[in-house]
Amino acid sequence: MYPSLRRSIHKPLIRFIGRRQWPSHPEPQHPHPFAPVELKQSFSDFISKFQSTSSQSHSAASTPSPSVSISKSGANVQVFQEFWQAPERLWRHDLEDHEVELAMTGGASKY
């Protein structure tokens, strides 16, 4: 048979019914149906706390700044979200060849 004739005879096994229709607004937030009872009861408290923290985070600057935390010893310690936020003296510059190879292979190694 010719390829063009064969292609016109082929009938797909999957049949889609109707057009896709996405809801115009998201459904209300609710706990998972199989969540434990105590979580279902406190879910509204969780949602209210989540909405208050998310509104505060949206009002903050778009670039995350390093936060300062107090360690157990009482000293102030800066915590950086990403390595480039830290001073360059703290960056690791001395990668060895086998470390670069590990990163390039995605962690798979022959050892």
PDB file of N, CA and C in Angstrom:
ATOM      1  N   MET A   1       0.826  -1.192   0.000  1.00  0.00           N
ATOM      2  CA  MET A   1       0.000   0.000   0.000  1.00  0.00           C
ATOM      3  C   MET A   1       0.865   1.248   0.000  1.00  0.00           C
ATOM      4  N   TYR A   2       0.337   2.289  -0.493  1.00  0.00           N
ATOM      5  CA  TYR A   2       1.022   3.565  -0.493  1.00  0.00           C
ATOM      6  C   TYR A   2       0.792   4.256   0.848  1.00  0.00           C
ATOM      7  N   PRO A   3       1.807   4.947   1.338  1.00  0.00           N
ATOM      8  CA  PRO A   3       1.679   5.601   2.648  1.00  0.00           C
ATOM      9  C   PRO A   3       0.521   6.587   2.717  1.00  0.00           C
ATOM     10  N   SER A   4       0.264   7.351   1.660  1.00  0.00           N
ATOM     11  CA  SER A   4      -0.815   8.343   1.709  1.00  0.00           C
ATOM     12  C   SER A   4      -2.176   7.664   1.781  1.00  0.00           C
ATOM     13  N   LEU A   5      -2.341   6.542   1.102  1.00  0.00           N
ATOM     14  CA  LEU A   5      -3.605   5.817   1.140  1.00  0.00           C
ATOM     15  C   LEU A   5      -3.805   5.194   2.514  1.00  0.00           C
ATOM     16  N   ARG A   6      -2.743   4.670   3.090  1.00  0.00           N
ATOM     17  CA  ARG A   6      -2.827   4.044   4.412  1.00  0.00           C
ATOM     18  C   ARG A   6      -3.196   5.078   5.480  1.00  0.00           C
ATOM     19  N   ARG A   7      -2.667   6.275   5.368  1.00  0.00           N
ATOM     20  CA  ARG A   7      -2.952   7.320   6.333  1.00  0.00           C
ATOM     21  C   ARG A   7      -4.420   7.734   6.291  1.00  0.00           C
ATOM     22  N   SER A   8      -5.034   7.731   5.142  1.00  0.00           N
ATOM     23  CA  SER A   8      -6.437   8.146   5.032  1.00  0.00           C
ATOM     24  C   SER A   8      -7.375   7.058   5.550  1.00  0.00           C
ATOM     25  N   ILE A   9      -6.946   5.812   5.604  1.00  0.00           N
ATOM     26  CA  ILE A   9      -7.787   4.711   6.080  1.00  0.00           C
ATOM     27  C   ILE A   9      -7.736   4.600   7.599  1.00  0.00           C
ATOM     28  N   HIS A  10      -6.612   4.989   8.207  1.00  0.00           N
ATOM     29  CA  HIS A  10      -6.418   4.843   9.648  1.00  0.00           C
ATOM     30  C   HIS A  10      -7.465   5.627  10.434  1.00  0.00           C
ATOM     31  N   LYS A  11      -8.050   4.956  11.411  1.00  0.00           N
ATOM     32  CA  LYS A  11      -9.050   5.588  12.262  1.00  0.00           C
ATOM     33  C   LYS A  11      -8.520   5.563  13.698  1.00  0.00           C
ATOM     34  N   PRO A  12      -8.421   6.704  14.364  1.00  0.00           N
ATOM     35  CA  PRO A  12      -7.872   6.711  15.717  1.00  0.00           C
ATOM     36  C   PRO A  12      -8.771   5.965  16.693  1.00  0.00           C
ATOM     37  N   LEU A  13      -8.149   5.353  17.703  1.00  0.00           N
ATOM     38  CA  LEU A  13      -8.906   4.612  18.701  1.00  0.00           C
ATOM     39  C   LEU A  13      -9.522   5.517  19.767  1.00  0.00           C
ATOM     40  N   ILE A  14      -8.961   6.695  19.953  1.00  0.00           N
ATOM     41  CA  ILE A  14      -9.482   7.634  20.953  1.00  0.00           C
ATOM     42  C   ILE A  14     -10.534   8.516  20.309  1.00  0.00           C
ATOM     43  N   ARG A  15     -11.629   8.701  21.006  1.00  0.00           N
ATOM     44  CA  ARG A  15     -12.683   9.597  20.529  1.00  0.00           C
ATOM     45  C   ARG A  15     -12.962  10.611  21.626  1.00  0.00           C
ATOM     46  N   PHE A  16     -12.891  11.881  21.287  1.00  0.00           N
ATOM     47  CA  PHE A  16     -13.157  12.949  22.239  1.00  0.00           C
ATOM     48  C   PHE A  16     -14.613  13.375  22.108  1.00  0.00           C
ATOM     49  N   ILE A  17     -15.258  13.526  23.237  1.00  0.00           N
ATOM     50  CA  ILE A  17     -16.665  13.905  23.236  1.00  0.00           C
ATOM     51  C   ILE A  17     -16.767  15.392  23.565  1.00  0.00           C
ATOM     52  N   GLY A  18     -17.266  16.165  22.667  1.00  0.00           N
ATOM     53  CA  GLY A  18     -17.502  17.582  22.908  1.00  0.00           C
ATOM     54  C   GLY A  18     -16.232  18.407  22.997  1.00  0.00           C
ATOM     55  N   ARG A  19     -16.427  19.706  23.198  1.00  0.00           N
ATOM     56  CA  ARG A  19     -15.311  20.630  23.325  1.00  0.00           C
ATOM     57  C   ARG A  19     -14.906  20.745  24.784  1.00  0.00           C
ATOM     58  N   ARG A  20     -13.661  21.133  24.990  1.00  0.00           N
ATOM     59  CA  ARG A  20     -13.195  21.373  26.349  1.00  0.00           C
ATOM     60  C   ARG A  20     -13.777  22.690  26.845  1.00  0.00           C
ATOM     61  N   GLN A  21     -14.314  22.664  28.041  1.00  0.00           N
ATOM     62  CA  GLN A  21     -14.845  23.881  28.635  1.00  0.00           C
ATOM     63  C   GLN A  21     -14.247  24.029  30.020  1.00  0.00           C
ATOM     64  N   TRP A  22     -13.499  25.103  30.199  1.00  0.00           N
ATOM     65  CA  TRP A  22     -12.877  25.367  31.477  1.00  0.00           C
ATOM     66  C   TRP A  22     -13.771  26.287  32.288  1.00  0.00           C
ATOM     67  N   PRO A  23     -13.852  26.062  33.595  1.00  0.00           N
ATOM     68  CA  PRO A  23     -14.681  26.945  34.413  1.00  0.00           C
ATOM     69  C   PRO A  23     -14.110  28.367  34.410  1.00  0.00           C
ATOM     70  N   SER A  24     -14.998  29.350  34.485  1.00  0.00           N
ATOM     71  CA  SER A  24     -14.556  30.742  34.440  1.00  0.00           C
ATOM     72  C   SER A  24     -13.962  31.191  35.759  1.00  0.00           C
ATOM     73  N   HIS A  25     -14.270  30.511  36.848  1.00  0.00           N
ATOM     74  CA  HIS A  25     -13.706  30.850  38.154  1.00  0.00           C
ATOM     75  C   HIS A  25     -13.386  29.561  38.895  1.00  0.00           C
ATOM     76  N   PRO A  26     -12.378  29.591  39.772  1.00  0.00           N
ATOM     77  CA  PRO A  26     -11.999  28.370  40.483  1.00  0.00           C
ATOM     78  C   PRO A  26     -13.055  27.956  41.498  1.00  0.00           C
ATOM     79  N   GLU A  27     -13.096  26.678  41.766  1.00  0.00           N
ATOM     80  CA  GLU A  27     -14.045  26.200  42.766  1.00  0.00           C
ATOM     81  C   GLU A  27     -13.590  26.623  44.158  1.00  0.00           C
ATOM     82  N   PRO A  28     -14.494  26.697  45.115  1.00  0.00           N
ATOM     83  CA  PRO A  28     -14.099  27.118  46.465  1.00  0.00           C
ATOM     84  C   PRO A  28     -13.124  26.118  47.085  1.00  0.00           C
ATOM     85  N   GLN A  29     -12.235  26.638  47.921  1.00  0.00           N
ATOM     86  CA  GLN A  29     -11.239  25.780  48.549  1.00  0.00           C
ATOM     87  C   GLN A  29     -11.911  24.923  49.612  1.00  0.00           C
ATOM     88  N   HIS A  30     -11.508  23.654  49.652  1.00  0.00           N
ATOM     89  CA  HIS A  30     -12.082  22.721  50.613  1.00  0.00           C
ATOM     90  C   HIS A  30     -11.038  21.666  50.956  1.00  0.00           C
ATOM     91  N   PRO A  31     -11.181  21.033  52.122  1.00  0.00           N
ATOM     92  CA  PRO A  31     -10.204  19.998  52.473  1.00  0.00           C
ATOM     93  C   PRO A  31     -10.398  18.762  51.608  1.00  0.00           C
ATOM     94  N   HIS A  32      -9.380  17.962  51.542  1.00  0.00           N
ATOM     95  CA  HIS A  32      -9.455  16.712  50.789  1.00  0.00           C
ATOM     96  C   HIS A  32     -10.522  15.823  51.412  1.00  0.00           C
ATOM     97  N   PRO A  33     -11.303  15.092  50.616  1.00  0.00           N
ATOM     98  CA  PRO A  33     -12.374  14.259  51.169  1.00  0.00           C
ATOM     99  C   PRO A  33     -11.885  13.205  52.160  1.00  0.00           C
ATOM    100  N   PHE A  34     -10.649  12.719  51.994  1.00  0.00           N
ATOM    101  CA  PHE A  34     -10.147  11.693  52.900  1.00  0.00           C
ATOM    102  C   PHE A  34      -9.224  12.254  53.977  1.00  0.00           C
ATOM    103  N   ALA A  35      -9.265  13.565  54.177  1.00  0.00           N
ATOM    104  CA  ALA A  35      -8.435  14.174  55.217  1.00  0.00           C
ATOM    105  C   ALA A  35      -8.973  13.769  56.585  1.00  0.00           C
ATOM    106  N   PRO A  36      -8.095  13.724  57.598  1.00  0.00           N
ATOM    107  CA  PRO A  36      -8.560  13.415  58.953  1.00  0.00           C
ATOM    108  C   PRO A  36      -9.574  14.450  59.434  1.00  0.00           C
ATOM    109  N   VAL A  37     -10.425  14.044  60.338  1.00  0.00           N
ATOM    110  CA  VAL A  37     -11.524  14.887  60.817  1.00  0.00           C
ATOM    111  C   VAL A  37     -10.995  16.174  61.446  1.00  0.00           C
ATOM    112  N   GLU A  38      -9.918  16.076  62.243  1.00  0.00           N
ATOM    113  CA  GLU A  38      -9.404  17.278  62.905  1.00  0.00           C
ATOM    114  C   GLU A  38      -8.872  18.290  61.899  1.00  0.00           C
ATOM    115  N   LEU A  39      -8.351  17.826  60.758  1.00  0.00           N
ATOM    116  CA  LEU A  39      -7.911  18.761  59.728  1.00  0.00           C
ATOM    117  C   LEU A  39      -9.092  19.389  59.007  1.00  0.00           C
ATOM    118  N   LYS A  40     -10.141  18.619  58.797  1.00  0.00           N
ATOM    119  CA  LYS A  40     -11.333  19.171  58.158  1.00  0.00           C
ATOM    120  C   LYS A  40     -11.964  20.259  59.022  1.00  0.00           C
ATOM    121  N   GLN A  41     -11.933  20.061  60.332  1.00  0.00           N
ATOM    122  CA  GLN A  41     -12.546  21.038  61.229  1.00  0.00           C
ATOM    123  C   GLN A  41     -11.744  22.333  61.286  1.00  0.00           C
ATOM    124  N   SER A  42     -10.432  22.257  61.180  1.00  0.00           N
ATOM    125  CA  SER A  42      -9.602  23.458  61.285  1.00  0.00           C
ATOM    126  C   SER A  42      -9.197  24.013  59.920  1.00  0.00           C
ATOM    127  N   PHE A  43      -9.825  23.556  58.859  1.00  0.00           N
ATOM    128  CA  PHE A  43      -9.439  23.984  57.514  1.00  0.00           C
ATOM    129  C   PHE A  43      -9.738  25.460  57.286  1.00  0.00           C
ATOM    130  N   SER A  44     -10.846  25.957  57.800  1.00  0.00           N
ATOM    131  CA  SER A  44     -11.185  27.370  57.610  1.00  0.00           C
ATOM    132  C   SER A  44     -10.155  28.267  58.292  1.00  0.00           C
ATOM    133  N   ASP A  45      -9.625  27.850  59.454  1.00  0.00           N
ATOM    134  CA  ASP A  45      -8.573  28.619  60.119  1.00  0.00           C
ATOM    135  C   ASP A  45      -7.310  28.648  59.255  1.00  0.00           C
ATOM    136  N   PHE A  46      -6.994  27.508  58.666  1.00  0.00           N
ATOM    137  CA  PHE A  46      -5.821  27.425  57.795  1.00  0.00           C
ATOM    138  C   PHE A  46      -5.959  28.366  56.609  1.00  0.00           C
ATOM    139  N   ILE A  47      -7.117  28.385  55.965  1.00  0.00           N
ATOM    140  CA  ILE A  47      -7.342  29.237  54.798  1.00  0.00           C
ATOM    141  C   ILE A  47      -7.199  30.704  55.178  1.00  0.00           C
ATOM    142  N   SER A  48      -7.755  31.095  56.328  1.00  0.00           N
ATOM    143  CA  SER A  48      -7.666  32.500  56.725  1.00  0.00           C
ATOM    144  C   SER A  48      -6.204  32.883  57.008  1.00  0.00           C
ATOM    145  N   LYS A  49      -5.438  32.007  57.660  1.00  0.00           N
ATOM    146  CA  LYS A  49      -4.026  32.295  57.915  1.00  0.00           C
ATOM    147  C   LYS A  49      -3.240  32.346  56.608  1.00  0.00           C
ATOM    148  N   PHE A  50      -3.537  31.442  55.697  1.00  0.00           N
ATOM    149  CA  PHE A  50      -2.845  31.400  54.412  1.00  0.00           C
ATOM    150  C   PHE A  50      -3.107  32.670  53.614  1.00  0.00           C
ATOM    151  N   GLN A  51      -4.345  33.124  53.583  1.00  0.00           N
ATOM    152  CA  GLN A  51      -4.676  34.332  52.832  1.00  0.00           C
ATOM    153  C   GLN A  51      -4.029  35.557  53.445  1.00  0.00           C
ATOM    154  N   SER A  52      -3.922  35.606  54.773  1.00  0.00           N
ATOM    155  CA  SER A  52      -3.292  36.767  55.397  1.00  0.00           C
ATOM    156  C   SER A  52      -1.791  36.784  55.114  1.00  0.00           C
ATOM    157  N   THR A  53      -1.134  35.621  55.128  1.00  0.00           N
ATOM    158  CA  THR A  53       0.301  35.595  54.839  1.00  0.00           C
ATOM    159  C   THR A  53       0.577  35.828  53.362  1.00  0.00           C
ATOM    160  N   SER A  54      -0.283  35.355  52.474  1.00  0.00           N
ATOM    161  CA  SER A  54      -0.051  35.567  51.045  1.00  0.00           C
ATOM    162  C   SER A  54      -0.256  37.027  50.680  1.00  0.00           C
ATOM    163  N   SER A  55      -1.171  37.720  51.337  1.00  0.00           N
ATOM    164  CA  SER A  55      -1.353  39.134  51.043  1.00  0.00           C
ATOM    165  C   SER A  55      -0.163  39.937  51.542  1.00  0.00           C
ATOM    166  N   GLN A  56       0.455  39.520  52.647  1.00  0.00           N
ATOM    167  CA  GLN A  56       1.642  40.205  53.145  1.00  0.00           C
ATOM    168  C   GLN A  56       2.825  39.961  52.223  1.00  0.00           C
ATOM    169  N   SER A  57       2.952  38.759  51.694  1.00  0.00           N
ATOM    170  CA  SER A  57       4.092  38.462  50.819  1.00  0.00           C
ATOM    171  C   SER A  57       3.965  39.183  49.483  1.00  0.00           C
ATOM    172  N   HIS A  58       2.731  39.429  49.010  1.00  0.00           N
ATOM    173  CA  HIS A  58       2.560  40.157  47.757  1.00  0.00           C
ATOM    174  C   HIS A  58       2.898  41.625  47.926  1.00  0.00           C
ATOM    175  N   SER A  59       2.735  42.144  49.122  1.00  0.00           N
ATOM    176  CA  SER A  59       3.048  43.546  49.346  1.00  0.00           C
ATOM    177  C   SER A  59       4.539  43.772  49.524  1.00  0.00           C
ATOM    178  N   ALA A  60       5.302  42.714  49.800  1.00  0.00           N
ATOM    179  CA  ALA A  60       6.750  42.840  49.964  1.00  0.00           C
ATOM    180  C   ALA A  60       7.402  43.051  48.606  1.00  0.00           C
ATOM    181  N   ALA A  61       8.685  43.337  48.605  1.00  0.00           N
ATOM    182  CA  ALA A  61       9.411  43.559  47.352  1.00  0.00           C
ATOM    183  C   ALA A  61       9.443  42.284  46.526  1.00  0.00           C
ATOM    184  N   SER A  62       9.617  42.431  45.209  1.00  0.00           N
ATOM    185  CA  SER A  62       9.597  41.261  44.332  1.00  0.00           C
ATOM    186  C   SER A  62      10.841  40.411  44.481  1.00  0.00           C
ATOM    187  N   THR A  63      11.978  41.022  44.842  1.00  0.00           N
ATOM    188  CA  THR A  63      13.185  40.228  45.050  1.00  0.00           C
ATOM    189  C   THR A  63      13.304  39.897  46.526  1.00  0.00           C
ATOM    190  N   PRO A  64      13.461  38.620  46.850  1.00  0.00           N
ATOM    191  CA  PRO A  64      13.545  38.254  48.256  1.00  0.00           C
ATOM    192  C   PRO A  64      14.835  38.760  48.873  1.00  0.00           C
ATOM    193  N   SER A  65      14.715  39.338  50.045  1.00  0.00           N
ATOM    194  CA  SER A  65      15.895  39.830  50.736  1.00  0.00           C
ATOM    195  C   SER A  65      16.314  38.812  51.783  1.00  0.00           C
ATOM    196  N   PRO A  66      17.581  38.808  52.145  1.00  0.00           N
ATOM    197  CA  PRO A  66      18.020  37.854  53.155  1.00  0.00           C
ATOM    198  C   PRO A  66      17.367  38.169  54.493  1.00  0.00           C
ATOM    199  N   SER A  67      16.976  37.145  55.194  1.00  0.00           N
ATOM    200  CA  SER A  67      16.354  37.349  56.493  1.00  0.00           C
ATOM    201  C   SER A  67      17.395  37.152  57.582  1.00  0.00           C
ATOM    202  N   VAL A  68      17.183  37.810  58.686  1.00  0.00           N
ATOM    203  CA  VAL A  68      18.094  37.702  59.809  1.00  0.00           C
ATOM    204  C   VAL A  68      17.402  36.892  60.884  1.00  0.00           C
ATOM    205  N   SER A  69      18.085  35.852  61.350  1.00  0.00           N
ATOM    206  CA  SER A  69      17.519  35.034  62.410  1.00  0.00           C
ATOM    207  C   SER A  69      18.511  34.960  63.554  1.00  0.00           C
ATOM    208  N   ILE A  70      18.001  34.675  64.723  1.00  0.00           N
ATOM    209  CA  ILE A  70      18.853  34.564  65.900  1.00  0.00           C
ATOM    210  C   ILE A  70      19.061  33.087  66.177  1.00  0.00           C
ATOM    211  N   SER A  71      20.314  32.671  66.213  1.00  0.00           N
ATOM    212  CA  SER A  71      20.625  31.265  66.443  1.00  0.00           C
ATOM    213  C   SER A  71      20.550  30.960  67.934  1.00  0.00           C
ATOM    214  N   LYS A  72      20.760  29.697  68.286  1.00  0.00           N
ATOM    215  CA  LYS A  72      20.706  29.273  69.684  1.00  0.00           C
ATOM    216  C   LYS A  72      21.786  29.954  70.519  1.00  0.00           C
ATOM    217  N   SER A  73      22.907  30.293  69.884  1.00  0.00           N
ATOM    218  CA  SER A  73      23.986  30.952  70.622  1.00  0.00           C
ATOM    219  C   SER A  73      23.685  32.426  70.856  1.00  0.00           C
ATOM    220  N   GLY A  74      22.640  32.956  70.222  1.00  0.00           N
ATOM    221  CA  GLY A  74      22.256  34.340  70.427  1.00  0.00           C
ATOM    222  C   GLY A  74      22.806  35.287  69.382  1.00  0.00           C
ATOM    223  N   ALA A  75      23.598  34.794  68.438  1.00  0.00           N
ATOM    224  CA  ALA A  75      24.183  35.646  67.403  1.00  0.00           C
ATOM    225  C   ALA A  75      23.203  35.830  66.252  1.00  0.00           C
ATOM    226  N   ASN A  76      23.244  36.987  65.620  1.00  0.00           N
ATOM    227  CA  ASN A  76      22.413  37.226  64.441  1.00  0.00           C
ATOM    228  C   ASN A  76      23.047  36.538  63.244  1.00  0.00           C
ATOM    229  N   VAL A  77      22.269  35.744  62.521  1.00  0.00           N
ATOM    230  CA  VAL A  77      22.766  34.997  61.375  1.00  0.00           C
ATOM    231  C   VAL A  77      21.875  35.325  60.185  1.00  0.00           C
ATOM    232  N   GLN A  78      22.487  35.706  59.059  1.00  0.00           N
ATOM    233  CA  GLN A  78      21.707  35.967  57.856  1.00  0.00           C
ATOM    234  C   GLN A  78      21.440  34.659  57.135  1.00  0.00           C
ATOM    235  N   VAL A  79      20.199  34.484  56.700  1.00  0.00           N
ATOM    236  CA  VAL A  79      19.805  33.297  55.955  1.00  0.00           C
ATOM    237  C   VAL A  79      19.447  33.755  54.549  1.00  0.00           C
ATOM    238  N   PHE A  80      20.132  33.189  53.547  1.00  0.00           N
ATOM    239  CA  PHE A  80      19.917  33.576  52.163  1.00  0.00           C
ATOM    240  C   PHE A  80      19.075  32.518  51.466  1.00  0.00           C
ATOM    241  N   GLN A  81      18.129  32.970  50.649  1.00  0.00           N
ATOM    242  CA  GLN A  81      17.269  32.058  49.906  1.00  0.00           C
ATOM    243  C   GLN A  81      18.014  31.441  48.725  1.00  0.00           C
ATOM    244  N   GLU A  82      18.857  32.224  48.063  1.00  0.00           N
ATOM    245  CA  GLU A  82      19.608  31.762  46.906  1.00  0.00           C
ATOM    246  C   GLU A  82      21.084  32.089  47.119  1.00  0.00           C
ATOM    247  N   PHE A  83      21.979  31.322  46.503  1.00  0.00           N
ATOM    248  CA  PHE A  83      23.404  31.511  46.754  1.00  0.00           C
ATOM    249  C   PHE A  83      23.904  32.853  46.255  1.00  0.00           C
ATOM    250  N   TRP A  84      23.298  33.409  45.200  1.00  0.00           N
ATOM    251  CA  TRP A  84      23.791  34.664  44.655  1.00  0.00           C
ATOM    252  C   TRP A  84      23.421  35.855  45.529  1.00  0.00           C
ATOM    253  N   GLN A  85      22.545  35.670  46.499  1.00  0.00           N
ATOM    254  CA  GLN A  85      22.230  36.751  47.426  1.00  0.00           C
ATOM    255  C   GLN A  85      23.314  36.896  48.493  1.00  0.00           C
ATOM    256  N   ALA A  86      24.060  35.834  48.710  1.00  0.00           N
ATOM    257  CA  ALA A  86      25.147  35.868  49.688  1.00  0.00           C
ATOM    258  C   ALA A  86      26.330  36.632  49.095  1.00  0.00           C
ATOM    259  N   PRO A  87      27.219  37.134  49.935  1.00  0.00           N
ATOM    260  CA  PRO A  87      28.423  37.798  49.409  1.00  0.00           C
ATOM    261  C   PRO A  87      29.247  36.818  48.581  1.00  0.00           C
ATOM    262  N   GLU A  88      29.935  37.342  47.584  1.00  0.00           N
ATOM    263  CA  GLU A  88      30.669  36.487  46.651  1.00  0.00           C
ATOM    264  C   GLU A  88      31.767  35.693  47.345  1.00  0.00           C
ATOM    265  N   ARG A  89      32.268  36.191  48.455  1.00  0.00           N
ATOM    266  CA  ARG A  89      33.313  35.463  49.169  1.00  0.00           C
ATOM    267  C   ARG A  89      32.807  34.128  49.706  1.00  0.00           C
ATOM    268  N   LEU A  90      31.484  33.963  49.836  1.00  0.00           N
ATOM    269  CA  LEU A  90      30.910  32.716  50.328  1.00  0.00           C
ATOM    270  C   LEU A  90      30.574  31.743  49.209  1.00  0.00           C
ATOM    271  N   TRP A  91      30.658  32.186  47.965  1.00  0.00           N
ATOM    272  CA  TRP A  91      30.367  31.303  46.848  1.00  0.00           C
ATOM    273  C   TRP A  91      31.483  30.288  46.721  1.00  0.00           C
ATOM    274  N   ARG A  92      31.152  29.125  46.232  1.00  0.00           N
ATOM    275  CA  ARG A  92      32.157  28.082  46.034  1.00  0.00           C
ATOM    276  C   ARG A  92      32.670  28.160  44.599  1.00  0.00           C
ATOM    277  N   HIS A  93      33.936  28.473  44.443  1.00  0.00           N
ATOM    278  CA  HIS A  93      34.508  28.654  43.107  1.00  0.00           C
ATOM    279  C   HIS A  93      35.365  27.476  42.664  1.00  0.00           C
ATOM    280  N   ASP A  94      35.849  26.690  43.586  1.00  0.00           N
ATOM    281  CA  ASP A  94      36.823  25.659  43.258  1.00  0.00           C
ATOM    282  C   ASP A  94      36.165  24.294  43.066  1.00  0.00           C
ATOM    283  N   LEU A  95      35.563  24.092  41.892  1.00  0.00           N
ATOM    284  CA  LEU A  95      34.968  22.799  41.563  1.00  0.00           C
ATOM    285  C   LEU A  95      36.025  21.936  40.888  1.00  0.00           C
ATOM    286  N   GLU A  96      36.085  20.698  41.274  1.00  0.00           N
ATOM    287  CA  GLU A  96      37.036  19.789  40.653  1.00  0.00           C
ATOM    288  C   GLU A  96      36.384  19.101  39.460  1.00  0.00           C
ATOM    289  N   ASP A  97      37.208  18.483  38.627  1.00  0.00           N
ATOM    290  CA  ASP A  97      36.707  17.881  37.394  1.00  0.00           C
ATOM    291  C   ASP A  97      35.664  16.808  37.657  1.00  0.00           C
ATOM    292  N   HIS A  98      35.859  15.976  38.659  1.00  0.00           N
ATOM    293  CA  HIS A  98      34.889  14.909  38.909  1.00  0.00           C
ATOM    294  C   HIS A  98      33.556  15.484  39.420  1.00  0.00           C
ATOM    295  N   GLU A  99      33.580  16.642  40.098  1.00  0.00           N
ATOM    296  CA  GLU A  99      32.343  17.277  40.543  1.00  0.00           C
ATOM    297  C   GLU A  99      31.573  17.853  39.363  1.00  0.00           C
ATOM    298  N   VAL A 100      32.288  18.435  38.418  1.00  0.00           N
ATOM    299  CA  VAL A 100      31.649  18.963  37.215  1.00  0.00           C
ATOM    300  C   VAL A 100      31.039  17.824  36.411  1.00  0.00           C
ATOM    301  N   GLU A 101      31.759  16.707  36.315  1.00  0.00           N
ATOM    302  CA  GLU A 101      31.252  15.541  35.578  1.00  0.00           C
ATOM    303  C   GLU A 101      29.990  14.987  36.236  1.00  0.00           C
ATOM    304  N   LEU A 102      29.974  14.939  37.573  1.00  0.00           N
ATOM    305  CA  LEU A 102      28.779  14.477  38.275  1.00  0.00           C
ATOM    306  C   LEU A 102      27.589  15.377  37.984  1.00  0.00           C
ATOM    307  N   ALA A 103      27.822  16.680  37.985  1.00  0.00           N
ATOM    308  CA  ALA A 103      26.730  17.611  37.707  1.00  0.00           C
ATOM    309  C   ALA A 103      26.240  17.475  36.269  1.00  0.00           C
ATOM    310  N   MET A 104      27.142  17.278  35.340  1.00  0.00           N
ATOM    311  CA  MET A 104      26.763  17.162  33.935  1.00  0.00           C
ATOM    312  C   MET A 104      26.016  15.869  33.642  1.00  0.00           C
ATOM    313  N   THR A 105      26.301  14.798  34.397  1.00  0.00           N
ATOM    314  CA  THR A 105      25.602  13.537  34.171  1.00  0.00           C
ATOM    315  C   THR A 105      24.331  13.429  35.006  1.00  0.00           C
ATOM    316  N   GLY A 106      23.998  14.462  35.752  1.00  0.00           N
ATOM    317  CA  GLY A 106      22.781  14.432  36.547  1.00  0.00           C
ATOM    318  C   GLY A 106      22.917  13.591  37.807  1.00  0.00           C
ATOM    319  N   GLY A 107      24.115  13.356  38.255  1.00  0.00           N
ATOM    320  CA  GLY A 107      24.335  12.583  39.474  1.00  0.00           C
ATOM    321  C   GLY A 107      24.649  11.123  39.217  1.00  0.00           C
ATOM    322  N   ALA A 108      24.410  10.668  38.009  1.00  0.00           N
ATOM    323  CA  ALA A 108      24.733   9.286  37.666  1.00  0.00           C
ATOM    324  C   ALA A 108      26.239   9.167  37.503  1.00  0.00           C
ATOM    325  N   SER A 109      26.822   8.197  38.134  1.00  0.00           N
ATOM    326  CA  SER A 109      28.268   8.027  38.007  1.00  0.00           C
ATOM    327  C   SER A 109      28.608   6.565  37.826  1.00  0.00           C
ATOM    328  N   LYS A 110      29.809   6.320  37.425  1.00  0.00           N
ATOM    329  CA  LYS A 110      30.244   4.936  37.185  1.00  0.00           C
ATOM    330  C   LYS A 110      30.951   4.354  38.401  1.00  0.00           C
ATOM    331  N   TYR A 111      30.994   5.092  39.519  1.00  0.00           N
ATOM    332  CA  TYR A 111      31.666   4.600  40.717  1.00  0.00           C
ATOM    333  C   TYR A 111      30.748   3.761  41.547  1.00  0.00           C
TER     334      TYR A 111
END
